[in-house]
Amino acid sequence: MSELIKQVSALKTAAREILGQIEDIDAQRTALDQQRDTITSANVSKADFLGYLRAYMKFKAKRFRQHTLDLLQPQRSFGRLEAGKGSEAGFASMRRFFTGDSSAMYISDEAVFFYFEDVIIARLSEELEALDWENDALPVALRLEHLRTIEQAKTELDLQRAELVSVMREAGFSDN
């Protein structure tokens, strides 16, 4: 019976060791989540902010650009241009150069971004001077690199944890 008690004791010790490793992995994962949260919640530099704004405007303007080209394509023939010269019907679809697909006379944000992106960026850049910007803010490229590294580390930890849990299950321990 003494040998059985020793084996049970050794099994408990091994289980505690594995559980300790799992807890360590969980703590490391929590620390990585906190690092990720710190990176994602920190303000960006003014230049990076304007970069995101410009990318958004380009995205919105891209659709409008194609729409405008589609409108201009049939207007290029000499006959159409000559027939419409000096009349209301000349460029009947001209308002759609501002409204996009909308029939109402509403200037779409896509049109504004298409025609005035540089003006808007310049104006907002001036206005953003009123805000406090962190001059030493981590550049977006480095943030993305750090986030990728964190995600890779978390994936590796998850695999290690799953392996330890599997060992515990194989030994007959419940993961409850």
N, C-alpha and C. Protein backbone atom coordinates (compact mmCIF):
# COMPACT_ATOMS: atom_id res chain seq x y z
N MET A 1 0.82 -1.20 0.00
CA MET A 1 0.00 0.00 0.00
C MET A 1 0.86 1.26 0.00
N SER A 2 2.00 1.16 0.65
CA SER A 2 2.92 2.28 0.73
C SER A 2 3.39 2.70 -0.66
N GLU A 3 3.62 1.74 -1.55
CA GLU A 3 4.05 2.04 -2.91
C GLU A 3 2.95 2.78 -3.67
N LEU A 4 1.72 2.40 -3.48
CA LEU A 4 0.58 3.05 -4.13
C LEU A 4 0.47 4.50 -3.66
N ILE A 5 0.66 4.73 -2.37
CA ILE A 5 0.60 6.09 -1.82
C ILE A 5 1.71 6.94 -2.43
N LYS A 6 2.89 6.36 -2.60
CA LYS A 6 4.00 7.10 -3.21
C LYS A 6 3.66 7.46 -4.66
N GLN A 7 3.06 6.54 -5.38
CA GLN A 7 2.70 6.80 -6.78
C GLN A 7 1.63 7.88 -6.89
N VAL A 8 0.64 7.81 -6.00
CA VAL A 8 -0.41 8.83 -5.98
C VAL A 8 0.20 10.18 -5.63
N SER A 9 1.10 10.19 -4.67
CA SER A 9 1.77 11.43 -4.27
C SER A 9 2.59 11.99 -5.44
N ALA A 10 3.31 11.12 -6.15
CA ALA A 10 4.09 11.56 -7.31
C ALA A 10 3.18 12.09 -8.41
N LEU A 11 2.04 11.45 -8.58
CA LEU A 11 1.06 11.89 -9.58
C LEU A 11 0.52 13.28 -9.22
N LYS A 12 0.21 13.48 -7.94
CA LYS A 12 -0.27 14.79 -7.49
C LYS A 12 0.79 15.86 -7.70
N THR A 13 2.04 15.51 -7.40
CA THR A 13 3.14 16.47 -7.58
C THR A 13 3.28 16.84 -9.06
N ALA A 14 3.22 15.83 -9.93
CA ALA A 14 3.31 16.08 -11.37
C ALA A 14 2.14 16.93 -11.85
N ALA A 15 0.95 16.63 -11.34
CA ALA A 15 -0.24 17.41 -11.73
C ALA A 15 -0.10 18.85 -11.28
N ARG A 16 0.39 19.06 -10.04
CA ARG A 16 0.59 20.43 -9.54
C ARG A 16 1.61 21.17 -10.40
N GLU A 17 2.65 20.46 -10.81
CA GLU A 17 3.68 21.07 -11.65
C GLU A 17 3.09 21.48 -13.00
N ILE A 18 2.30 20.60 -13.59
CA ILE A 18 1.66 20.92 -14.87
C ILE A 18 0.68 22.07 -14.71
N LEU A 19 -0.11 22.04 -13.63
CA LEU A 19 -1.05 23.15 -13.38
C LEU A 19 -0.30 24.46 -13.19
N GLY A 20 0.85 24.40 -12.52
CA GLY A 20 1.67 25.60 -12.34
C GLY A 20 2.16 26.13 -13.68
N GLN A 21 2.55 25.22 -14.57
CA GLN A 21 2.98 25.64 -15.91
C GLN A 21 1.82 26.27 -16.68
N ILE A 22 0.64 25.69 -16.53
CA ILE A 22 -0.55 26.26 -17.19
C ILE A 22 -0.84 27.65 -16.64
N GLU A 23 -0.74 27.81 -15.32
CA GLU A 23 -0.96 29.13 -14.72
C GLU A 23 0.08 30.14 -15.21
N ASP A 24 1.34 29.70 -15.34
CA ASP A 24 2.38 30.58 -15.86
C ASP A 24 2.06 31.01 -17.30
N ILE A 25 1.62 30.07 -18.09
CA ILE A 25 1.24 30.39 -19.47
C ILE A 25 0.09 31.38 -19.49
N ASP A 26 -0.91 31.14 -18.63
CA ASP A 26 -2.05 32.06 -18.56
C ASP A 26 -1.59 33.47 -18.15
N ALA A 27 -0.65 33.54 -17.22
CA ALA A 27 -0.13 34.84 -16.78
C ALA A 27 0.63 35.53 -17.91
N GLN A 28 1.41 34.76 -18.65
CA GLN A 28 2.14 35.33 -19.80
C GLN A 28 1.17 35.84 -20.86
N ARG A 29 0.11 35.08 -21.07
CA ARG A 29 -0.90 35.48 -22.06
C ARG A 29 -1.60 36.77 -21.62
N THR A 30 -1.92 36.85 -20.33
CA THR A 30 -2.54 38.07 -19.79
C THR A 30 -1.62 39.26 -19.98
N ALA A 31 -0.33 39.06 -19.72
CA ALA A 31 0.64 40.15 -19.91
C ALA A 31 0.70 40.57 -21.38
N LEU A 32 0.65 39.61 -22.28
CA LEU A 32 0.66 39.94 -23.71
C LEU A 32 -0.61 40.69 -24.11
N ASP A 33 -1.75 40.29 -23.55
CA ASP A 33 -3.00 41.01 -23.82
C ASP A 33 -2.91 42.45 -23.33
N GLN A 34 -2.29 42.65 -22.17
CA GLN A 34 -2.12 44.01 -21.64
C GLN A 34 -1.20 44.83 -22.54
N GLN A 35 -0.14 44.20 -23.04
CA GLN A 35 0.76 44.90 -23.97
C GLN A 35 0.00 45.30 -25.24
N ARG A 36 -0.79 44.36 -25.75
CA ARG A 36 -1.59 44.64 -26.95
C ARG A 36 -2.54 45.81 -26.69
N ASP A 37 -3.22 45.77 -25.54
CA ASP A 37 -4.16 46.84 -25.21
C ASP A 37 -3.46 48.18 -25.08
N THR A 38 -2.28 48.19 -24.50
CA THR A 38 -1.51 49.43 -24.37
C THR A 38 -1.16 49.99 -25.74
N ILE A 39 -0.73 49.12 -26.63
CA ILE A 39 -0.35 49.55 -27.99
C ILE A 39 -1.57 50.07 -28.74
N THR A 40 -2.68 49.35 -28.67
CA THR A 40 -3.85 49.73 -29.47
C THR A 40 -4.59 50.94 -28.89
N SER A 41 -4.48 51.18 -27.61
CA SER A 41 -5.21 52.31 -27.02
C SER A 41 -4.40 53.60 -27.00
N ALA A 42 -3.10 53.51 -27.27
CA ALA A 42 -2.26 54.72 -27.26
C ALA A 42 -2.53 55.56 -28.51
N ASN A 43 -2.49 56.87 -28.34
CA ASN A 43 -2.69 57.77 -29.47
C ASN A 43 -1.54 57.65 -30.46
N VAL A 44 -1.86 57.91 -31.71
CA VAL A 44 -0.85 57.91 -32.77
C VAL A 44 -0.32 59.33 -32.95
N SER A 45 0.73 59.45 -33.72
CA SER A 45 1.27 60.78 -34.04
C SER A 45 0.32 61.49 -35.00
N LYS A 46 0.50 62.78 -35.10
CA LYS A 46 -0.32 63.56 -36.03
C LYS A 46 -0.12 63.05 -37.46
N ALA A 47 1.12 62.77 -37.83
CA ALA A 47 1.41 62.29 -39.19
C ALA A 47 0.70 60.96 -39.46
N ASP A 48 0.74 60.04 -38.50
CA ASP A 48 0.06 58.76 -38.69
C ASP A 48 -1.45 58.95 -38.75
N PHE A 49 -1.97 59.86 -37.92
CA PHE A 49 -3.40 60.15 -37.94
C PHE A 49 -3.81 60.65 -39.33
N LEU A 50 -3.04 61.58 -39.86
CA LEU A 50 -3.34 62.11 -41.19
C LEU A 50 -3.19 61.02 -42.26
N GLY A 51 -2.28 60.11 -42.06
CA GLY A 51 -2.13 58.98 -42.98
C GLY A 51 -3.37 58.11 -43.02
N TYR A 52 -3.92 57.83 -41.83
CA TYR A 52 -5.17 57.05 -41.78
C TYR A 52 -6.32 57.82 -42.43
N LEU A 53 -6.38 59.11 -42.17
CA LEU A 53 -7.44 59.93 -42.74
C LEU A 53 -7.32 59.96 -44.27
N ARG A 54 -6.11 60.12 -44.76
CA ARG A 54 -5.90 60.14 -46.21
C ARG A 54 -6.27 58.79 -46.83
N ALA A 55 -5.91 57.71 -46.19
CA ALA A 55 -6.25 56.37 -46.71
C ALA A 55 -7.76 56.19 -46.77
N TYR A 56 -8.47 56.68 -45.75
CA TYR A 56 -9.93 56.60 -45.74
C TYR A 56 -10.51 57.39 -46.92
N MET A 57 -10.00 58.61 -47.10
CA MET A 57 -10.50 59.44 -48.20
C MET A 57 -10.23 58.79 -49.55
N LYS A 58 -9.06 58.22 -49.73
CA LYS A 58 -8.73 57.55 -50.99
C LYS A 58 -9.67 56.36 -51.23
N PHE A 59 -9.95 55.63 -50.17
CA PHE A 59 -10.86 54.50 -50.28
C PHE A 59 -12.24 54.97 -50.76
N LYS A 60 -12.75 56.03 -50.13
CA LYS A 60 -14.07 56.54 -50.49
C LYS A 60 -14.06 57.16 -51.90
N ALA A 61 -12.99 57.85 -52.25
CA ALA A 61 -12.91 58.54 -53.54
C ALA A 61 -12.74 57.57 -54.70
N LYS A 62 -12.20 56.39 -54.44
CA LYS A 62 -11.93 55.43 -55.52
C LYS A 62 -13.22 55.05 -56.25
N ARG A 63 -14.27 54.79 -55.50
CA ARG A 63 -15.56 54.44 -56.13
C ARG A 63 -16.07 55.60 -56.98
N PHE A 64 -15.94 56.81 -56.42
CA PHE A 64 -16.44 57.98 -57.13
C PHE A 64 -15.64 58.21 -58.41
N ARG A 65 -14.36 57.97 -58.37
CA ARG A 65 -13.52 58.13 -59.56
C ARG A 65 -14.05 57.26 -60.70
N GLN A 66 -14.32 56.01 -60.39
CA GLN A 66 -14.82 55.11 -61.44
C GLN A 66 -16.18 55.58 -61.95
N HIS A 67 -17.01 56.03 -61.05
CA HIS A 67 -18.33 56.55 -61.43
C HIS A 67 -18.17 57.74 -62.38
N THR A 68 -17.24 58.62 -62.07
CA THR A 68 -17.00 59.80 -62.90
C THR A 68 -16.49 59.40 -64.28
N LEU A 69 -15.57 58.45 -64.32
CA LEU A 69 -15.07 57.97 -65.62
C LEU A 69 -16.20 57.35 -66.44
N ASP A 70 -17.07 56.62 -65.78
CA ASP A 70 -18.22 56.02 -66.48
C ASP A 70 -19.14 57.10 -67.04
N LEU A 71 -19.28 58.22 -66.34
CA LEU A 71 -20.11 59.32 -66.84
C LEU A 71 -19.44 60.03 -68.02
N LEU A 72 -18.14 60.19 -67.95
CA LEU A 72 -17.42 60.93 -68.99
C LEU A 72 -17.26 60.13 -70.28
N GLN A 73 -17.19 58.84 -70.18
CA GLN A 73 -16.93 57.98 -71.34
C GLN A 73 -17.87 58.29 -72.51
N PRO A 74 -19.19 58.28 -72.33
CA PRO A 74 -20.07 58.51 -73.49
C PRO A 74 -20.13 59.98 -73.92
N GLN A 75 -19.59 60.90 -73.15
CA GLN A 75 -19.67 62.33 -73.46
C GLN A 75 -18.57 62.77 -74.43
N ARG A 76 -17.67 61.89 -74.83
CA ARG A 76 -16.47 62.31 -75.54
C ARG A 76 -16.62 62.45 -77.04
N SER A 77 -17.72 62.01 -77.60
CA SER A 77 -17.83 62.08 -79.06
C SER A 77 -18.10 63.51 -79.52
N PHE A 78 -17.53 63.84 -80.65
CA PHE A 78 -17.69 65.19 -81.21
C PHE A 78 -19.15 65.54 -81.40
N GLY A 79 -19.92 64.61 -81.94
CA GLY A 79 -21.33 64.88 -82.21
C GLY A 79 -22.09 65.24 -80.94
N ARG A 80 -21.88 64.50 -79.90
CA ARG A 80 -22.57 64.79 -78.63
C ARG A 80 -22.13 66.13 -78.07
N LEU A 81 -20.85 66.37 -78.11
CA LEU A 81 -20.34 67.64 -77.57
C LEU A 81 -20.86 68.82 -78.37
N GLU A 82 -20.86 68.70 -79.67
CA GLU A 82 -21.32 69.78 -80.54
C GLU A 82 -22.82 70.01 -80.37
N ALA A 83 -23.59 68.92 -80.28
CA ALA A 83 -25.05 69.04 -80.15
C ALA A 83 -25.44 69.65 -78.80
N GLY A 84 -24.68 69.38 -77.79
CA GLY A 84 -25.04 69.88 -76.47
C GLY A 84 -24.43 71.22 -76.12
N LYS A 85 -23.58 71.74 -77.00
CA LYS A 85 -22.88 72.99 -76.73
C LYS A 85 -23.88 74.13 -76.54
N GLY A 86 -23.76 74.83 -75.43
CA GLY A 86 -24.61 75.99 -75.19
C GLY A 86 -26.04 75.65 -74.81
N SER A 87 -26.31 74.41 -74.45
CA SER A 87 -27.69 74.07 -74.06
C SER A 87 -27.68 73.39 -72.70
N GLU A 88 -28.84 73.36 -72.10
CA GLU A 88 -29.00 72.70 -70.80
C GLU A 88 -28.67 71.22 -70.89
N ALA A 89 -28.93 70.64 -72.04
CA ALA A 89 -28.73 69.20 -72.20
C ALA A 89 -27.26 68.83 -72.44
N GLY A 90 -26.40 69.84 -72.63
CA GLY A 90 -25.01 69.60 -72.97
C GLY A 90 -24.33 68.55 -72.10
N PHE A 91 -24.20 68.82 -70.88
CA PHE A 91 -23.67 67.85 -69.91
C PHE A 91 -24.76 67.63 -68.87
N ALA A 92 -25.84 67.02 -69.32
CA ALA A 92 -27.01 66.83 -68.45
C ALA A 92 -26.63 66.07 -67.18
N SER A 93 -25.66 65.22 -67.30
CA SER A 93 -25.29 64.43 -66.12
C SER A 93 -24.22 65.11 -65.28
N MET A 94 -23.91 66.38 -65.59
CA MET A 94 -22.84 67.09 -64.89
C MET A 94 -23.04 67.09 -63.38
N ARG A 95 -24.26 67.25 -62.93
CA ARG A 95 -24.47 67.29 -61.48
C ARG A 95 -24.07 65.97 -60.83
N ARG A 96 -24.11 64.89 -61.61
CA ARG A 96 -23.71 63.61 -61.04
C ARG A 96 -22.21 63.54 -60.83
N PHE A 97 -21.47 64.54 -61.33
CA PHE A 97 -20.05 64.61 -61.02
C PHE A 97 -19.85 65.01 -59.56
N PHE A 98 -20.92 65.44 -58.91
CA PHE A 98 -20.85 65.81 -57.50
C PHE A 98 -21.70 64.91 -56.62
N THR A 99 -22.76 64.36 -57.22
CA THR A 99 -23.71 63.61 -56.41
C THR A 99 -23.50 62.11 -56.46
N GLY A 100 -22.69 61.63 -57.38
CA GLY A 100 -22.54 60.19 -57.53
C GLY A 100 -23.81 59.60 -58.11
N ASP A 101 -24.28 58.53 -57.54
CA ASP A 101 -25.49 57.87 -58.05
C ASP A 101 -26.77 58.50 -57.53
N SER A 102 -26.67 59.43 -56.62
CA SER A 102 -27.85 60.04 -56.02
C SER A 102 -28.53 60.96 -57.02
N SER A 103 -29.85 60.92 -57.04
CA SER A 103 -30.58 61.82 -57.93
C SER A 103 -30.83 63.17 -57.27
N ALA A 104 -30.72 63.22 -55.96
CA ALA A 104 -30.91 64.49 -55.25
C ALA A 104 -29.64 65.34 -55.41
N MET A 105 -29.77 66.64 -55.29
CA MET A 105 -28.58 67.50 -55.39
C MET A 105 -27.92 67.55 -54.03
N TYR A 106 -27.22 66.53 -53.77
CA TYR A 106 -26.50 66.36 -52.52
C TYR A 106 -25.07 66.02 -52.91
N ILE A 107 -24.12 66.75 -52.40
CA ILE A 107 -22.72 66.47 -52.74
C ILE A 107 -22.23 65.37 -51.82
N SER A 108 -21.87 64.26 -52.40
CA SER A 108 -21.47 63.09 -51.60
C SER A 108 -20.08 63.27 -51.02
N ASP A 109 -19.83 62.57 -49.91
CA ASP A 109 -18.50 62.63 -49.32
C ASP A 109 -17.47 62.06 -50.28
N GLU A 110 -17.86 61.05 -51.07
CA GLU A 110 -16.94 60.49 -52.05
C GLU A 110 -16.49 61.55 -53.04
N ALA A 111 -17.44 62.39 -53.49
CA ALA A 111 -17.10 63.46 -54.44
C ALA A 111 -16.19 64.49 -53.78
N VAL A 112 -16.51 64.87 -52.57
CA VAL A 112 -15.69 65.86 -51.86
C VAL A 112 -14.26 65.33 -51.71
N PHE A 113 -14.13 64.06 -51.31
CA PHE A 113 -12.80 63.48 -51.13
C PHE A 113 -12.07 63.36 -52.47
N PHE A 114 -12.80 63.03 -53.53
CA PHE A 114 -12.20 62.89 -54.86
C PHE A 114 -11.62 64.23 -55.34
N TYR A 115 -12.41 65.29 -55.20
CA TYR A 115 -11.99 66.59 -55.72
C TYR A 115 -11.08 67.37 -54.77
N PHE A 116 -11.27 67.20 -53.47
CA PHE A 116 -10.60 68.10 -52.53
C PHE A 116 -9.76 67.41 -51.45
N GLU A 117 -9.32 66.20 -51.70
CA GLU A 117 -8.55 65.46 -50.68
C GLU A 117 -7.39 66.28 -50.13
N ASP A 118 -6.56 66.83 -51.01
CA ASP A 118 -5.39 67.57 -50.54
C ASP A 118 -5.77 68.82 -49.75
N VAL A 119 -6.82 69.49 -50.18
CA VAL A 119 -7.29 70.68 -49.47
C VAL A 119 -7.78 70.31 -48.07
N ILE A 120 -8.55 69.23 -47.99
CA ILE A 120 -9.08 68.79 -46.70
C ILE A 120 -7.95 68.38 -45.77
N ILE A 121 -7.00 67.61 -46.29
CA ILE A 121 -5.87 67.17 -45.46
C ILE A 121 -5.07 68.37 -44.97
N ALA A 122 -4.80 69.33 -45.85
CA ALA A 122 -4.05 70.52 -45.45
C ALA A 122 -4.79 71.30 -44.38
N ARG A 123 -6.08 71.48 -44.57
CA ARG A 123 -6.89 72.24 -43.61
C ARG A 123 -6.95 71.52 -42.26
N LEU A 124 -7.22 70.23 -42.28
CA LEU A 124 -7.28 69.48 -41.03
C LEU A 124 -5.92 69.43 -40.35
N SER A 125 -4.87 69.37 -41.12
CA SER A 125 -3.52 69.39 -40.55
C SER A 125 -3.30 70.67 -39.75
N GLU A 126 -3.75 71.79 -40.31
CA GLU A 126 -3.65 73.07 -39.59
C GLU A 126 -4.48 73.04 -38.32
N GLU A 127 -5.71 72.56 -38.42
CA GLU A 127 -6.61 72.54 -37.27
C GLU A 127 -6.13 71.59 -36.18
N LEU A 128 -5.49 70.51 -36.59
CA LEU A 128 -5.01 69.53 -35.61
C LEU A 128 -3.88 70.06 -34.74
N GLU A 129 -3.31 71.18 -35.14
CA GLU A 129 -2.26 71.80 -34.32
C GLU A 129 -2.82 72.20 -32.95
N ALA A 130 -4.12 72.41 -32.85
CA ALA A 130 -4.74 72.80 -31.59
C ALA A 130 -4.76 71.65 -30.58
N LEU A 131 -4.56 70.43 -31.05
CA LEU A 131 -4.57 69.27 -30.16
C LEU A 131 -3.15 68.93 -29.71
N ASP A 132 -3.06 68.33 -28.54
CA ASP A 132 -1.76 67.85 -28.06
C ASP A 132 -1.45 66.53 -28.74
N TRP A 133 -0.29 66.45 -29.34
CA TRP A 133 0.15 65.23 -30.02
C TRP A 133 1.41 64.73 -29.34
N GLU A 134 1.50 63.43 -29.22
CA GLU A 134 2.69 62.83 -28.64
C GLU A 134 3.76 62.77 -29.72
N ASN A 135 4.80 63.57 -29.54
CA ASN A 135 5.86 63.61 -30.55
C ASN A 135 6.65 62.31 -30.60
N ASP A 136 6.65 61.59 -29.48
CA ASP A 136 7.41 60.34 -29.44
C ASP A 136 6.50 59.12 -29.55
N ALA A 137 5.32 59.31 -30.12
CA ALA A 137 4.39 58.19 -30.27
C ALA A 137 5.03 57.11 -31.15
N LEU A 138 4.80 55.88 -30.76
CA LEU A 138 5.33 54.75 -31.52
C LEU A 138 4.73 54.77 -32.93
N PRO A 139 5.55 54.77 -33.96
CA PRO A 139 5.02 54.79 -35.33
C PRO A 139 4.12 53.58 -35.60
N VAL A 140 3.15 53.77 -36.46
CA VAL A 140 2.18 52.72 -36.77
C VAL A 140 2.87 51.46 -37.27
N ALA A 141 3.88 51.60 -38.10
CA ALA A 141 4.58 50.42 -38.63
C ALA A 141 5.16 49.58 -37.49
N LEU A 142 5.74 50.24 -36.50
CA LEU A 142 6.29 49.50 -35.36
C LEU A 142 5.19 48.89 -34.50
N ARG A 143 4.09 49.62 -34.37
CA ARG A 143 2.95 49.07 -33.61
C ARG A 143 2.47 47.78 -34.25
N LEU A 144 2.31 47.82 -35.56
CA LEU A 144 1.83 46.63 -36.27
C LEU A 144 2.80 45.47 -36.12
N GLU A 145 4.09 45.78 -36.18
CA GLU A 145 5.11 44.75 -35.99
C GLU A 145 5.02 44.15 -34.58
N HIS A 146 4.89 45.03 -33.58
CA HIS A 146 4.75 44.55 -32.19
C HIS A 146 3.50 43.70 -32.02
N LEU A 147 2.41 44.13 -32.63
CA LEU A 147 1.15 43.37 -32.52
C LEU A 147 1.28 42.00 -33.16
N ARG A 148 1.95 41.92 -34.30
CA ARG A 148 2.18 40.62 -34.93
C ARG A 148 3.02 39.72 -34.02
N THR A 149 4.06 40.29 -33.42
CA THR A 149 4.91 39.52 -32.51
C THR A 149 4.11 39.02 -31.32
N ILE A 150 3.25 39.88 -30.77
CA ILE A 150 2.41 39.49 -29.63
C ILE A 150 1.48 38.36 -30.03
N GLU A 151 0.84 38.48 -31.19
CA GLU A 151 -0.09 37.43 -31.63
C GLU A 151 0.63 36.11 -31.86
N GLN A 152 1.84 36.17 -32.41
CA GLN A 152 2.62 34.94 -32.60
C GLN A 152 2.96 34.31 -31.25
N ALA A 153 3.35 35.13 -30.29
CA ALA A 153 3.69 34.62 -28.96
C ALA A 153 2.45 34.00 -28.30
N LYS A 154 1.30 34.65 -28.46
CA LYS A 154 0.06 34.10 -27.89
C LYS A 154 -0.30 32.77 -28.52
N THR A 155 -0.12 32.67 -29.82
CA THR A 155 -0.40 31.41 -30.52
C THR A 155 0.51 30.30 -30.00
N GLU A 156 1.77 30.62 -29.82
CA GLU A 156 2.72 29.64 -29.29
C GLU A 156 2.34 29.21 -27.87
N LEU A 157 1.96 30.18 -27.05
CA LEU A 157 1.53 29.87 -25.68
C LEU A 157 0.27 29.01 -25.68
N ASP A 158 -0.66 29.32 -26.58
CA ASP A 158 -1.89 28.53 -26.66
C ASP A 158 -1.59 27.08 -27.02
N LEU A 159 -0.63 26.88 -27.91
CA LEU A 159 -0.25 25.51 -28.28
C LEU A 159 0.39 24.79 -27.09
N GLN A 160 1.25 25.49 -26.37
CA GLN A 160 1.88 24.89 -25.19
C GLN A 160 0.83 24.53 -24.14
N ARG A 161 -0.11 25.44 -23.95
CA ARG A 161 -1.16 25.21 -22.95
C ARG A 161 -2.02 24.01 -23.35
N ALA A 162 -2.39 23.96 -24.62
CA ALA A 162 -3.22 22.85 -25.11
C ALA A 162 -2.49 21.51 -24.92
N GLU A 163 -1.20 21.52 -25.14
CA GLU A 163 -0.42 20.30 -24.95
C GLU A 163 -0.42 19.87 -23.48
N LEU A 164 -0.27 20.83 -22.58
CA LEU A 164 -0.28 20.50 -21.15
C LEU A 164 -1.67 20.01 -20.71
N VAL A 165 -2.71 20.63 -21.20
CA VAL A 165 -4.07 20.20 -20.87
C VAL A 165 -4.30 18.79 -21.39
N SER A 166 -3.79 18.52 -22.58
CA SER A 166 -3.92 17.18 -23.16
C SER A 166 -3.22 16.13 -22.29
N VAL A 167 -2.05 16.47 -21.79
CA VAL A 167 -1.32 15.56 -20.89
C VAL A 167 -2.14 15.29 -19.64
N MET A 168 -2.75 16.33 -19.10
CA MET A 168 -3.57 16.17 -17.89
C MET A 168 -4.78 15.27 -18.17
N ARG A 169 -5.42 15.49 -19.31
CA ARG A 169 -6.58 14.66 -19.65
C ARG A 169 -6.18 13.20 -19.84
N GLU A 170 -5.06 13.00 -20.54
CA GLU A 170 -4.59 11.63 -20.76
C GLU A 170 -4.26 10.93 -19.44
N ALA A 171 -3.86 11.72 -18.44
CA ALA A 171 -3.56 11.14 -17.13
C ALA A 171 -4.82 10.93 -16.31
N GLY A 172 -5.97 11.33 -16.87
CA GLY A 172 -7.23 11.10 -16.18
C GLY A 172 -7.73 12.27 -15.36
N PHE A 173 -7.08 13.42 -15.48
CA PHE A 173 -7.52 14.60 -14.74
C PHE A 173 -8.50 15.39 -15.60
N SER A 174 -9.51 15.90 -14.94
CA SER A 174 -10.50 16.73 -15.62
C SER A 174 -9.95 18.14 -15.74
N ASP A 175 -10.38 18.87 -16.76
CA ASP A 175 -9.93 20.25 -16.90
C ASP A 175 -10.92 21.23 -16.26
N ASN A 176 -11.71 20.75 -15.34
CA ASN A 176 -12.64 21.62 -14.60
C ASN A 176 -11.98 22.22 -13.41
